[in-house]
């Protein structure tokens, strides 16, 4: 299945593939900001205010998101009159997964797929492994989607159908 780059943002693309996955507003805002910064990279840094105004995002919320992305090493911040944020590495090396993880932490579709795997049904559960595979497939898709692919260029992203990603036996 192919999608062109005119998709509004990566969360729209992901929702088409995995209806069960819902990104937080913070993750959406973070991905939008990273896309914006990637498009404006040749012009230098952008302030949180500029990015917020470009997308109608609350400035205070975006400032916190950008700080998290900087703390995770995905952005560099510059202080001063010409300060702002810029990508810390090339946009084709930063994945959607890294951005989402920096903002929301680890991505798990169910509690049994977490590191501790806590669940009341652990002893009786027969779907833990299939759910782990689904979670892993979603993670792989997000790792393949790069910030540079979200730019408004006539480029396509190829994503396999969910059935091709996971085979549950």
Protein backbone atom coordinates (compact mmCIF):
# COMPACT_ATOMS: atom_id res chain seq x y z
CA UNK A 1 0.00 0.00 0.00
CA UNK A 2 1.40 3.44 -0.86
CA UNK A 3 0.65 6.85 0.60
CA UNK A 4 1.83 10.11 -0.82
CA UNK A 5 3.41 12.80 1.29
CA UNK A 6 0.32 14.99 1.24
CA UNK A 7 -0.96 13.14 4.30
CA UNK A 8 -1.62 15.71 7.03
CA UNK A 9 0.72 13.99 9.45
CA UNK A 10 2.04 10.59 10.31
CA UNK A 11 -0.75 9.87 12.78
CA UNK A 12 -3.30 9.97 9.92
CA UNK A 13 -1.17 7.47 8.03
CA UNK A 14 -0.83 5.21 11.05
CA UNK A 15 -4.54 5.36 11.86
CA UNK A 16 -5.30 4.01 8.39
CA UNK A 17 -3.07 1.02 9.09
CA UNK A 18 -3.76 0.41 12.77
CA UNK A 19 -7.17 1.65 13.86
CA UNK A 20 -6.47 0.51 17.41
CA UNK A 21 -3.47 2.81 17.79
CA UNK A 22 -4.25 6.34 18.85
CA UNK A 23 -1.45 8.81 19.28
CA UNK A 24 -1.71 11.46 21.96
CA UNK A 25 -2.19 15.10 20.99
CA UNK A 26 1.30 15.73 22.34
CA UNK A 27 2.74 13.13 19.93
CA UNK A 28 0.76 14.67 17.05
CA UNK A 29 2.06 18.13 17.94
CA UNK A 30 5.60 16.80 18.27
CA UNK A 31 5.49 15.17 14.85
CA UNK A 32 4.02 18.32 13.30
CA UNK A 33 6.76 20.42 14.90
CA UNK A 34 9.52 18.07 13.74
CA UNK A 35 8.12 18.17 10.20
CA UNK A 36 8.00 21.97 10.35
CA UNK A 37 11.58 22.20 11.59
CA UNK A 38 12.75 19.76 8.91
CA UNK A 39 11.16 21.88 6.18
CA UNK A 40 12.75 25.04 7.55
CA UNK A 41 16.16 23.54 8.34
CA UNK A 42 17.96 25.49 5.58
CA UNK A 43 16.71 28.77 7.09
CA UNK A 44 17.99 27.96 10.59
CA UNK A 45 16.14 27.65 13.87
CA UNK A 46 12.47 28.39 14.58
CA UNK A 47 10.94 29.57 17.82
CA UNK A 48 8.24 27.61 19.61
CA UNK A 49 5.96 30.59 18.96
CA UNK A 50 6.51 30.41 15.18
CA UNK A 51 5.79 26.68 15.06
CA UNK A 52 2.74 27.04 17.32
CA UNK A 53 1.30 29.83 15.16
CA UNK A 54 1.93 27.88 11.94
CA UNK A 55 -0.27 24.99 13.14
CA UNK A 56 -2.60 26.61 15.65
CA UNK A 57 -1.04 24.68 18.53
CA UNK A 58 -1.13 26.11 22.07
CA UNK A 59 2.30 27.71 22.52
CA UNK A 60 2.79 26.61 26.15
CA UNK A 61 2.05 22.97 25.32
CA UNK A 62 4.34 23.04 22.30
CA UNK A 63 7.17 24.62 24.31
CA UNK A 64 7.06 21.70 26.76
CA UNK A 65 7.00 19.19 23.89
CA UNK A 66 9.97 20.85 22.20
CA UNK A 67 11.87 20.79 25.50
CA UNK A 68 11.25 17.03 25.78
CA UNK A 69 12.48 16.52 22.21
CA UNK A 70 15.59 18.56 22.97
CA UNK A 71 16.22 16.59 26.17
CA UNK A 72 15.93 13.36 24.13
CA UNK A 73 18.59 14.70 21.75
CA UNK A 74 16.29 15.07 18.73
CA UNK A 75 16.40 18.89 18.76
CA UNK A 76 18.98 21.53 19.60
CA UNK A 77 17.86 24.73 21.26
CA UNK A 78 19.57 28.06 20.75
CA UNK A 79 19.07 30.95 23.13
CA UNK A 80 19.10 34.63 22.25
CA UNK A 81 17.40 36.94 19.78
CA UNK A 82 17.83 34.57 16.83
CA UNK A 83 17.28 31.51 19.00
CA UNK A 84 14.85 28.70 18.65
CA UNK A 85 14.89 25.01 17.83
CA UNK A 86 16.46 23.01 15.05
CA UNK A 87 16.84 19.30 14.33
CA UNK A 88 19.92 17.81 15.97
CA UNK A 89 20.47 15.43 13.03
CA UNK A 90 19.34 15.03 9.47
CA UNK A 91 15.57 14.49 9.09
CA UNK A 92 16.08 11.21 7.26
CA UNK A 93 17.72 9.72 10.37
CA UNK A 94 14.97 10.62 12.86
CA UNK A 95 12.05 8.20 13.03
CA UNK A 96 8.45 8.81 14.05
CA UNK A 97 9.05 6.17 16.73
CA UNK A 98 11.85 8.23 18.32
CA UNK A 99 9.65 11.32 18.42
CA UNK A 100 6.66 9.49 19.92
CA UNK A 101 8.84 7.71 22.47
CA UNK A 102 10.54 10.97 23.51
CA UNK A 103 7.15 12.56 24.16
CA UNK A 104 4.99 9.70 25.47
CA UNK A 105 7.51 7.13 26.64
CA UNK A 106 7.39 3.47 25.62
CA UNK A 107 4.64 2.48 23.21
CA UNK A 108 2.50 -0.45 24.37
CA UNK A 109 -0.90 -1.41 23.04
CA UNK A 110 -1.77 -3.45 26.12
CA UNK A 111 -0.47 -3.67 29.68
CA UNK A 112 0.79 -7.23 29.18
CA UNK A 113 3.29 -6.07 26.58
CA UNK A 114 5.03 -3.73 29.03
CA UNK A 115 8.38 -4.47 30.61
CA UNK A 116 6.76 -5.75 33.81
CA UNK A 117 3.87 -7.41 31.96
CA UNK A 118 1.43 -6.87 34.77
CA UNK A 119 -2.06 -8.18 34.18
CA UNK A 120 -4.73 -9.93 36.23
CA UNK A 121 -5.10 -12.56 33.50
CA UNK A 122 -1.42 -13.51 33.09
CA UNK A 123 -1.93 -17.11 34.25
CA UNK A 124 -4.88 -17.71 31.92
CA UNK A 125 -3.97 -15.49 28.97
CA UNK A 126 -3.61 -17.10 25.56
CA UNK A 127 -3.04 -13.95 23.49
CA UNK A 128 0.01 -12.41 25.14
CA UNK A 129 2.44 -13.52 22.41
CA UNK A 130 0.22 -12.46 19.48
CA UNK A 131 -0.24 -9.03 21.11
CA UNK A 132 3.52 -8.74 21.60
CA UNK A 133 3.95 -9.41 17.87
CA UNK A 134 1.38 -6.74 16.98
CA UNK A 135 3.14 -4.25 19.26
CA UNK A 136 6.49 -5.12 17.68
CA UNK A 137 5.06 -4.66 14.17
CA UNK A 138 3.67 -1.23 15.03
CA UNK A 139 7.04 -0.26 16.45
CA UNK A 140 8.80 -1.43 13.27
CA UNK A 141 6.45 0.62 11.07
CA UNK A 142 7.05 3.74 13.18
CA UNK A 143 10.81 3.20 13.04
CA UNK A 144 10.69 3.06 9.23
CA UNK A 145 8.81 6.36 8.89
CA UNK A 146 11.35 9.18 8.91
CA UNK A 147 10.71 12.87 9.55
CA UNK A 148 12.04 13.60 6.05
CA UNK A 149 9.24 11.46 4.61
CA UNK A 150 6.65 13.74 6.19
CA UNK A 151 7.83 16.71 4.16
CA UNK A 152 5.66 18.12 1.41
CA UNK A 153 7.69 16.65 -1.43
CA UNK A 154 6.43 14.36 -4.21
CA UNK A 155 7.79 11.25 -2.52
CA UNK A 156 5.94 8.14 -1.44
CA UNK A 157 6.10 5.96 1.64
CA UNK A 158 5.47 2.29 1.20
CA UNK A 159 3.89 0.55 4.16
CA UNK A 160 2.92 -3.07 4.22
CA UNK A 161 -0.61 -4.04 5.09
CA UNK A 162 -1.06 -5.21 8.70
CA UNK A 163 -1.56 -8.79 7.51
CA UNK A 164 1.91 -8.71 5.95
CA UNK A 165 3.45 -7.43 9.16
CA UNK A 166 2.08 -9.96 11.61
CA UNK A 167 1.35 -13.60 11.17
CA UNK A 168 -0.48 -14.96 14.20
CA UNK A 169 -0.37 -18.72 14.36
